[in-house]
Protein backbone atom coordinates (compact mmCIF):
# COMPACT_ATOMS: atom_id res chain seq x y z
CA MET A 1 16.70 14.93 5.11
CA LYS A 2 17.84 16.76 2.02
CA SER A 3 16.20 15.76 -1.00
CA TYR A 4 17.86 14.63 -4.13
CA TYR A 5 16.23 17.63 -5.88
CA ASP A 6 17.71 20.03 -3.66
CA THR A 7 21.17 18.45 -3.60
CA LEU A 8 21.24 19.03 -7.56
CA GLY A 9 19.60 22.31 -7.25
CA ILE A 10 16.58 21.47 -9.47
CA PRO A 11 12.82 21.22 -9.47
CA LYS A 12 10.86 18.08 -9.30
CA THR A 13 9.81 18.45 -12.57
CA ALA A 14 13.22 18.94 -14.28
CA SER A 15 13.83 16.73 -17.36
CA GLU A 16 16.58 14.17 -17.93
CA ASP A 17 18.63 16.76 -19.66
CA GLU A 18 18.18 19.19 -16.77
CA ILE A 19 19.16 16.60 -14.32
CA LYS A 20 22.33 15.64 -16.35
CA LYS A 21 23.38 19.38 -16.77
CA ALA A 22 22.94 19.92 -13.07
CA PHE A 23 24.89 17.04 -12.13
CA LYS A 24 27.75 17.82 -14.25
CA LYS A 25 27.75 21.16 -12.65
CA LYS A 26 27.71 19.99 -9.16
CA ALA A 27 30.08 17.21 -9.78
CA ILE A 28 32.66 19.55 -11.17
CA GLU A 29 32.10 21.88 -8.28
CA PHE A 30 32.67 19.22 -5.34
CA HIS A 31 35.21 17.26 -7.13
CA PRO A 32 37.78 16.20 -4.48
CA ASP A 33 40.43 16.90 -6.83
CA HIS A 34 39.54 20.52 -7.11
CA ASN A 35 38.81 21.10 -3.27
CA LYS A 36 41.78 19.42 -2.01
CA ASN A 37 41.49 22.02 1.31
CA ASP A 38 37.88 21.52 1.74
CA PRO A 39 37.42 18.01 3.76
CA LYS A 40 33.76 18.47 3.20
CA ALA A 41 33.79 18.41 -0.56
CA GLU A 42 34.23 14.59 -0.70
CA GLU A 43 31.03 14.06 1.24
CA LYS A 44 29.24 16.72 -1.02
CA PHE A 45 30.51 14.90 -4.14
CA LYS A 46 29.13 11.81 -3.03
CA ASP A 47 25.83 13.21 -2.27
CA VAL A 48 25.65 14.63 -5.63
CA ASN A 49 26.42 11.18 -7.26
CA GLU A 50 23.90 9.58 -4.99
CA ALA A 51 21.28 12.01 -6.03
CA TYR A 52 22.09 11.52 -9.72
CA ALA A 53 22.15 7.83 -9.46
CA VAL A 54 18.62 7.85 -8.50
CA LEU A 55 17.01 10.69 -10.39
CA LYS A 56 18.66 9.39 -13.66
CA ASP A 57 17.03 6.15 -13.53
CA LYS A 58 13.37 6.24 -14.26
CA ASN A 59 12.22 3.37 -11.89
CA LYS A 60 14.19 4.77 -8.80
CA ARG A 61 12.93 8.16 -9.33
CA LYS A 62 9.38 6.99 -9.65
CA GLN A 63 9.94 5.04 -6.29
CA TYR A 64 11.67 8.11 -4.70
CA ASP A 65 8.77 10.28 -5.82
CA GLN A 66 6.07 8.00 -4.47
CA PHE A 67 7.56 7.19 -1.21
CA GLY A 68 9.70 10.26 -0.42
CA ALA A 69 13.43 10.27 0.95
CA GLU A 70 12.68 8.48 4.23
CA GLY A 71 10.49 5.66 2.34
CA PHE A 72 12.91 5.27 -0.35
CA LYS A 73 15.94 4.63 1.81
CA LYS A 74 13.94 1.77 3.68
CA ARG A 75 13.61 -0.05 0.42
CA TYR A 76 16.83 0.79 -1.31
CA THR A 77 20.33 0.05 0.36
CA GLN A 78 23.42 2.23 -0.72
CA GLU A 79 24.59 -0.79 -2.96
CA ASP A 80 21.13 -0.72 -4.69
CA ILE A 81 20.93 2.81 -5.39
CA PHE A 82 24.58 2.70 -7.17
CA GLN A 83 23.61 -0.54 -9.02
CA GLY A 84 24.32 -0.04 -12.69
CA PHE A 85 26.00 3.31 -12.11
CA ASP A 86 29.36 3.52 -14.01
CA ILE A 87 31.27 6.32 -12.04
CA ASN A 88 34.19 5.66 -14.25
CA GLU A 89 32.19 6.75 -17.30
CA ILE A 90 31.14 9.90 -15.59
CA PHE A 91 34.88 10.61 -14.91
CA ARG A 92 35.74 10.04 -18.47
CA ASN A 93 33.07 12.19 -19.90
CA PHE A 94 33.85 15.03 -17.57
CA GLY A 95 37.63 14.86 -17.90
CA PHE A 96 38.43 14.54 -13.94
CA GLY A 97 41.85 13.88 -13.07
CA GLY A 98 43.19 10.77 -14.91
CA GLY A 99 39.70 9.67 -15.82
CA GLY A 100 38.86 7.75 -12.62
CA PRO A 101 37.38 8.19 -9.29
CA PRO A 102 39.49 9.06 -6.07
CA SER A 103 40.79 6.38 -4.17
CA GLY A 104 38.19 4.41 -2.09
CA PHE A 105 35.33 5.64 -4.10
CA GLU A 106 34.62 2.48 -6.10
CA ASP A 107 33.74 0.57 -2.61
CA PHE A 108 31.42 3.51 -1.95
CA PHE A 109 29.56 3.19 -5.16
CA GLY A 110 29.60 -0.55 -5.06
CA GLY A 111 32.13 -1.10 -7.97
CA GLY A 112 34.05 -3.69 -6.09
CA ARG A 113 30.91 -5.89 -6.02
CA SER A 114 29.26 -5.11 -9.23
CA ARG A 115 30.36 -8.02 -11.15
CA ARG A 116 28.66 -10.53 -9.07
CA PRO A 117 25.00 -11.88 -10.24
CA ARG A 118 22.48 -9.66 -8.09
CA LYS A 119 18.94 -10.32 -7.67
CA GLY A 120 16.94 -7.11 -8.93
CA GLN A 121 15.20 -4.62 -6.62
CA ASP A 122 11.89 -5.49 -5.42
CA MET A 123 9.07 -3.08 -6.53
CA MET A 124 6.29 -2.00 -4.27
CA SER A 125 2.84 -0.86 -5.03
CA GLU A 126 -0.74 -0.73 -3.86
CA ILE A 127 -3.99 -2.43 -4.85
CA THR A 128 -7.44 -1.54 -3.72
CA VAL A 129 -10.36 -4.09 -3.52
CA THR A 130 -13.88 -3.93 -2.45
CA PHE A 131 -15.17 -5.34 0.90
CA GLU A 132 -16.85 -8.02 -1.19
CA GLU A 133 -13.62 -9.04 -3.14
CA ALA A 134 -11.63 -9.19 0.13
CA ALA A 135 -14.33 -11.44 1.48
CA ILE A 136 -14.71 -14.02 -1.13
CA GLY A 137 -11.55 -13.38 -3.22
CA THR A 138 -10.91 -12.23 -6.79
CA GLU A 139 -8.52 -11.66 -9.45
CA LYS A 140 -6.84 -8.30 -10.60
CA LYS A 141 -5.50 -7.62 -14.14
CA PHE A 142 -3.27 -4.63 -14.45
CA THR A 143 -0.30 -3.31 -16.55
CA ILE A 144 3.12 -2.77 -14.94
CA ASP A 145 6.07 -0.70 -16.12
CA ARG A 146 9.33 -2.93 -15.88
CA GLY A 147 12.26 -0.80 -17.01
CA GLY A 148 10.21 1.26 -19.58
CA ARG A 149 8.75 -1.88 -20.73
CA ASN A 150 4.76 -2.36 -20.13
CA GLU A 151 3.70 -5.93 -19.10
CA ASP A 152 0.37 -7.35 -18.87
CA THR A 153 -0.02 -9.54 -15.55
CA SER A 154 -2.50 -10.14 -12.74
CA VAL A 155 -2.56 -11.04 -9.10
CA LYS A 156 -5.00 -13.44 -7.23
CA VAL A 157 -6.37 -11.97 -4.05
CA PRO A 158 -7.12 -14.69 -1.78
CA PRO A 159 -10.47 -14.94 0.01
CA GLY A 160 -10.45 -13.38 3.46
CA ILE A 161 -7.69 -10.98 3.03
CA SER A 162 -7.68 -7.99 5.24
CA GLU A 163 -6.55 -4.32 5.21
CA GLY A 164 -2.81 -3.78 5.11
CA LYS A 165 -1.67 -7.37 3.93
CA LYS A 166 0.95 -7.83 1.32
CA LEU A 167 0.40 -10.00 -1.91
CA ARG A 168 3.85 -11.22 -3.73
CA LEU A 169 4.55 -11.58 -7.34
CA ALA A 170 7.74 -13.38 -7.73
CA GLY A 171 10.07 -12.35 -10.46
CA LYS A 172 7.96 -9.23 -11.52
CA GLY A 173 10.27 -6.87 -9.92
CA PHE A 174 13.08 -4.74 -11.28
CA PRO A 175 15.53 -6.77 -13.51
CA GLY A 176 18.72 -8.22 -12.00
CA SER A 177 22.26 -7.33 -12.73
CA GLN A 178 25.09 -9.51 -14.21
CA GLY A 179 22.79 -12.36 -14.88
CA GLY A 180 20.97 -12.22 -11.35
CA PRO A 181 17.37 -12.84 -11.01
CA PRO A 182 14.65 -10.28 -11.00
CA GLY A 183 13.29 -8.78 -7.94
CA ASP A 184 9.74 -9.33 -6.59
CA LEU A 185 6.49 -7.16 -6.89
CA TYR A 186 4.59 -6.73 -3.68
CA PHE A 187 1.18 -5.23 -3.24
CA LYS A 188 -0.26 -3.60 -0.16
CA VAL A 189 -3.81 -4.40 -0.13
CA HIS A 190 -6.52 -1.73 0.70
CA VAL A 191 -10.02 -2.68 1.66
CA LEU A 192 -12.68 -0.26 0.74
CA PRO A 193 -15.20 0.25 3.63
CA HIS A 194 -18.61 -1.16 3.31
CA PRO A 195 -21.71 1.05 4.02
CA ILE A 196 -23.54 -1.63 5.88
CA PHE A 197 -21.23 -4.73 6.71
CA LYS A 198 -18.59 -4.40 9.23
CA ARG A 199 -15.85 -7.11 9.57
CA GLU A 200 -14.97 -8.80 12.82
CA GLY A 201 -12.28 -11.36 12.05
CA ASN A 202 -14.20 -13.86 9.61
CA ASP A 203 -17.45 -12.70 10.66
CA ILE A 204 -19.66 -9.81 9.37
CA VAL A 205 -21.92 -7.65 11.26
CA VAL A 206 -24.85 -5.81 10.00
CA GLU A 207 -27.29 -3.63 11.81
CA HIS A 208 -30.90 -3.92 11.36
CA LYS A 209 -33.52 -1.68 12.91
CA VAL A 210 -36.83 -2.62 14.32
CA SER A 211 -39.78 -0.95 16.00
CA LEU A 212 -40.26 -1.43 19.89
CA THR A 213 -43.65 -3.48 19.16
CA ASP A 214 -41.77 -5.71 16.67
CA ALA A 215 -38.93 -6.30 19.34
CA LEU A 216 -41.78 -7.13 21.70
CA LEU A 217 -43.91 -9.30 19.53
CA GLY A 218 -41.65 -10.83 17.17
CA THR A 219 -41.39 -10.17 13.43
CA ILE A 220 -39.68 -11.29 10.04
CA ILE A 221 -37.02 -9.15 8.64
CA HIS A 222 -35.11 -9.34 5.38
CA VAL A 223 -31.24 -8.81 5.76
CA PRO A 224 -28.61 -8.26 3.07
CA THR A 225 -25.65 -10.63 2.98
CA LEU A 226 -22.92 -11.26 0.82
CA GLU A 227 -25.28 -13.82 -1.32
CA GLY A 228 -28.12 -11.58 -1.37
CA GLU A 229 -31.05 -10.97 0.60
CA LYS A 230 -31.94 -13.43 3.49
CA GLN A 231 -35.20 -13.64 5.49
CA VAL A 232 -34.50 -13.68 9.36
CA LYS A 233 -36.99 -14.36 12.12
CA VAL A 234 -36.78 -11.74 14.95
CA PRO A 235 -37.95 -13.85 18.35
CA ALA A 236 -40.57 -12.12 20.40
CA GLY A 237 -38.93 -10.22 23.37
CA THR A 238 -35.59 -9.65 21.44
CA GLN A 239 -33.52 -7.26 23.55
CA PRO A 240 -31.89 -3.96 22.15
CA LEU A 241 -28.47 -4.77 20.51
CA SER A 242 -28.69 -8.50 20.75
CA LYS A 243 -27.22 -10.47 17.82
CA LEU A 244 -29.04 -12.92 15.49
CA ARG A 245 -26.44 -15.59 13.75
CA LEU A 246 -26.68 -16.65 10.40
CA ARG A 247 -24.13 -19.44 10.10
CA GLY A 248 -21.71 -19.76 7.34
CA LEU A 249 -22.58 -16.41 5.77
CA GLY A 250 -19.42 -14.46 6.75
CA VAL A 251 -15.92 -14.08 5.29
CA HIS A 252 -14.29 -17.01 3.38
CA SER A 253 -10.87 -18.12 4.33
CA ARG A 254 -7.93 -19.86 2.42
CA GLY A 255 -8.52 -23.14 4.36
CA GLY A 256 -12.25 -23.36 2.93
CA ASP A 257 -14.00 -22.45 6.49
CA ARG A 258 -16.05 -19.42 6.59
CA GLY A 259 -17.17 -17.10 9.17
CA ASP A 260 -20.86 -16.10 10.31
CA LEU A 261 -23.00 -13.10 9.66
CA TYR A 262 -24.60 -11.52 12.78
CA VAL A 263 -27.53 -9.27 12.78
CA LYS A 264 -27.35 -6.71 15.43
CA ILE A 265 -30.96 -5.54 16.32
CA VAL A 266 -31.43 -1.85 16.97
CA VAL A 267 -34.63 -1.04 18.67
CA THR A 268 -36.00 2.25 17.64
CA TYR A 269 -38.37 4.12 20.16
CA PRO A 270 -40.69 7.08 19.26
CA LYS A 271 -39.79 10.42 20.03
CA THR A 272 -43.33 11.49 20.69
CA LEU A 273 -46.52 9.83 21.41
CA THR A 274 -50.13 10.63 20.19
CA PRO A 275 -52.69 11.23 22.84
CA GLU A 276 -54.08 7.51 22.18
CA GLN A 277 -50.46 5.95 22.15
CA ASN A 278 -49.82 7.46 25.61
CA LYS A 279 -52.99 6.17 27.16
CA LEU A 280 -52.20 2.67 25.73
CA ILE A 281 -48.64 3.02 27.25
CA GLU A 282 -49.93 4.03 30.68
CA SER A 283 -52.50 1.19 30.56
CA LEU A 284 -49.47 -1.19 29.95
CA LYS A 285 -47.60 0.52 32.70
CA GLU A 286 -50.26 -0.26 35.05
CA GLN A 287 -50.32 -3.90 34.19
CA GLY A 288 -46.62 -4.17 35.16
CA LEU A 289 -45.16 -4.05 31.58
């Protein structure tokens, strides 16, 4: 898919003035009135106008640069792209035949429907939260650019939210046209991995190492949780990779329920034995252990 920058023959760093100059040059080059014997000229002319409609608009250009050509087309319809784009003004300024577009062009650019109230385009962004914030919920404050105007706002991150979920702020998207309502603002949530905790649904799993003798004889361990360190009893004879359950210490949910925290016991074995330890193990072996 050819990029809008390539269509206008400009770099991604082009200024507004450079975009306008490139558009004027390309529009004159491919205008159908000047290329009556070239059936491909009209399609090229449409491509040039589409590229200009996006790149001249700061917000649309920002979205295009962020999501790329393919991602941008998934978010913007053809009508959305040409929203607020006055093709007649372009023709008047450039002095093209009669000051108006060729037949059928107004439908292509959405001119025939531009007078109806239309909801503004939705905005897409991303938000990153920590494992703990996703588990118990939080509120994030930030500043958004709405049509060149900075606006302070916040979004509530509900407890128990997971990776890839979307949050919606109604009416915080791009302004509508012809009196239409503004679009919405959507956040895709990214949850940072935790160095200790792993999430399984609304449960949390944390591994804890114990020695072979502690697994055999039992012991007391101290386990990290979302609410601080907790003391846990490891029963005698605990098997490797078995799980000890701590009720109600997992991930919160919107309904008020909460998952559990599971301590996975990892039994460590010595790689080498001293002569004395070896004799003791041999003795235990003789006793059937």
